[in-house]
Amino acid sequence: MRIMAIDYGDAHTGIAISDPTGFLTGFTTVITAYRPDVAAERVTALAREHGVDELVLGYPRNMDGSIGWHAKETEDFAQLLRTASGLPVVLWDERRTTIDAHQILFNAGKNAKKRKKLVDAVAASLILEGYLTFRKNHHST
């Protein structure tokens, strides 16, 4: 089962897709789209191209767990994805993933310009890693 994690943003959307076993992160990329409908179309095309079975969308709760305006935009995007792709969409708490992604890239010696290009894909990878770990620990096979 291939799973795609999505770190949705206003201009850049990070994508990470698991390997066919659903246990490891495989493919990563960043989609540049300034409109949610265009981003949803591009995510759907990638999902079809890679044979994805499930979408995991980073859900940006506030640090206190409350729902802010960006989370509401993400809920709307989740509905666009469900309609466009026909796939199930899981909202996954993504608190700190972008901060952690910046730290990982900084520690890897990437300068600010290179970090900006990679951070969304790394954040999507962290979302996918968290979700895959959850599945492994909470689903019997």
Protein backbone atom coordinates (compact mmCIF):
# COMPACT_ATOMS: atom_id res chain seq x y z
CA MET A 1 0.00 0.00 0.00
CA ARG A 2 1.49 3.31 -1.08
CA ILE A 3 0.75 6.31 1.11
CA MET A 4 1.32 9.95 0.15
CA ALA A 5 1.96 12.60 2.80
CA ILE A 6 1.23 16.21 1.91
CA ASP A 7 2.58 19.36 3.57
CA TYR A 8 0.13 21.87 2.06
CA GLY A 9 1.17 25.51 1.69
CA ASP A 10 -0.06 28.65 -0.04
CA ALA A 11 2.60 28.41 -2.76
CA HIS A 12 4.62 25.26 -2.10
CA THR A 13 3.25 21.85 -1.20
CA GLY A 14 5.65 19.16 -0.05
CA ILE A 15 5.01 15.57 -1.12
CA ALA A 16 6.44 12.33 0.26
CA ILE A 17 5.34 8.91 -1.00
CA SER A 18 6.02 5.63 0.73
CA ASP A 19 7.61 2.63 -0.91
CA PRO A 20 5.20 -0.13 -2.07
CA THR A 21 5.36 -1.84 1.34
CA GLY A 22 4.03 1.26 3.11
CA PHE A 23 6.88 1.11 5.62
CA LEU A 24 9.48 3.55 4.24
CA THR A 25 9.55 6.97 2.61
CA GLY A 26 10.48 6.75 -1.04
CA PHE A 27 9.78 9.57 -3.51
CA THR A 28 9.71 13.25 -2.43
CA THR A 29 9.05 16.45 -4.35
CA VAL A 30 7.58 19.94 -4.03
CA ILE A 31 4.62 21.19 -6.06
CA THR A 32 4.42 24.90 -6.76
CA ALA A 33 0.82 26.09 -7.12
CA TYR A 34 -0.80 29.27 -5.89
CA ARG A 35 -4.41 28.07 -6.09
CA PRO A 36 -5.81 25.18 -4.02
CA ASP A 37 -7.65 23.63 -6.99
CA VAL A 38 -4.44 23.55 -9.04
CA ALA A 39 -2.51 22.05 -6.11
CA ALA A 40 -5.22 19.38 -5.68
CA GLU A 41 -5.04 18.51 -9.41
CA ARG A 42 -1.25 18.14 -9.24
CA VAL A 43 -1.39 16.05 -6.06
CA THR A 44 -4.02 13.82 -7.70
CA ALA A 45 -1.87 13.39 -10.83
CA LEU A 46 1.14 12.37 -8.71
CA ALA A 47 -1.00 9.99 -6.67
CA ARG A 48 -2.21 8.27 -9.84
CA GLU A 49 1.28 8.19 -11.34
CA HIS A 50 2.69 6.48 -8.23
CA GLY A 51 -0.27 4.20 -7.49
CA VAL A 52 -1.09 5.83 -4.15
CA ASP A 53 -3.88 4.28 -2.06
CA GLU A 54 -4.20 6.81 0.76
CA LEU A 55 -3.44 10.51 1.32
CA VAL A 56 -2.18 11.90 4.63
CA LEU A 57 -2.53 15.66 4.84
CA GLY A 58 -0.57 17.61 7.43
CA TYR A 59 -3.06 19.32 9.72
CA PRO A 60 -1.60 22.50 11.22
CA ARG A 61 -3.04 22.78 14.71
CA ASN A 62 -1.84 25.60 16.93
CA MET A 63 0.71 24.59 19.58
CA ASP A 64 -2.08 24.55 22.21
CA GLY A 65 -4.06 22.11 20.02
CA SER A 66 -6.66 24.63 18.89
CA ILE A 67 -7.75 25.10 15.27
CA GLY A 68 -6.70 28.29 13.49
CA TRP A 69 -7.38 29.78 10.07
CA HIS A 70 -4.68 27.70 8.37
CA ALA A 71 -6.22 24.48 9.71
CA LYS A 72 -9.59 25.54 8.26
CA GLU A 73 -7.91 26.15 4.87
CA THR A 74 -6.37 22.68 5.17
CA GLU A 75 -9.80 21.14 5.86
CA ASP A 76 -11.09 22.80 2.66
CA PHE A 77 -8.07 21.45 0.76
CA ALA A 78 -8.73 17.96 2.15
CA GLN A 79 -12.23 18.11 0.67
CA LEU A 80 -10.81 19.21 -2.70
CA LEU A 81 -8.41 16.25 -2.58
CA ARG A 82 -11.19 13.78 -1.73
CA THR A 83 -13.26 15.03 -4.66
CA ALA A 84 -10.38 15.21 -7.16
CA SER A 85 -8.68 11.93 -6.27
CA GLY A 86 -11.43 9.72 -4.91
CA LEU A 87 -8.90 8.60 -2.26
CA PRO A 88 -9.30 8.65 1.51
CA VAL A 89 -7.64 11.68 3.15
CA VAL A 90 -6.37 11.44 6.73
CA LEU A 91 -5.71 14.70 8.58
CA TRP A 92 -2.48 14.27 10.54
CA ASP A 93 -1.22 16.61 13.27
CA GLU A 94 1.84 18.31 11.82
CA ARG A 95 2.84 20.57 14.70
CA ARG A 96 6.57 21.31 14.59
CA THR A 97 7.27 19.44 11.32
CA THR A 98 8.39 22.57 9.46
CA ILE A 99 10.53 23.68 12.41
CA ASP A 100 12.05 20.19 12.62
CA ALA A 101 12.60 20.13 8.84
CA HIS A 102 14.51 23.43 8.99
CA GLN A 103 16.64 22.06 11.84
CA ILE A 104 17.42 18.84 9.95
CA LEU A 105 18.50 20.79 6.87
CA PHE A 106 20.52 23.28 8.94
CA ASN A 107 22.31 20.40 10.68
CA ALA A 108 23.01 18.87 7.27
CA GLY A 109 24.85 22.06 6.29
CA LYS A 110 22.26 23.42 3.86
CA ASN A 111 22.33 27.20 3.51
CA ALA A 112 19.13 29.25 3.79
CA LYS A 113 18.49 29.26 0.02
CA LYS A 114 18.84 25.46 -0.25
CA ARG A 115 16.76 24.94 2.91
CA LYS A 116 13.91 26.99 1.42
CA LYS A 117 13.80 24.73 -1.66
CA LEU A 118 13.84 21.49 0.35
CA VAL A 119 11.96 22.25 3.57
CA ASP A 120 8.46 21.37 2.31
CA ALA A 121 9.55 17.96 1.01
CA VAL A 122 11.39 17.23 4.27
CA ALA A 123 8.32 18.31 6.27
CA ALA A 124 6.16 15.95 4.16
CA SER A 125 8.67 13.17 4.85
CA LEU A 126 8.36 13.82 8.60
CA ILE A 127 4.55 13.70 8.34
CA LEU A 128 4.80 10.41 6.43
CA GLU A 129 7.33 8.96 8.88
CA GLY A 130 5.05 9.80 11.84
CA TYR A 131 2.00 8.32 10.15
CA LEU A 132 3.79 5.14 9.03
CA THR A 133 5.12 4.64 12.56
CA PHE A 134 1.62 5.10 13.96
CA ARG A 135 0.20 2.57 11.48
CA LYS A 136 2.93 0.05 12.28
CA ASN A 137 2.32 0.38 16.02
CA HIS A 138 -1.51 0.42 15.89
CA HIS A 139 -2.52 -1.91 13.08
CA SER A 140 -2.23 -5.65 13.15
CA THR A 141 -1.07 -7.23 9.91
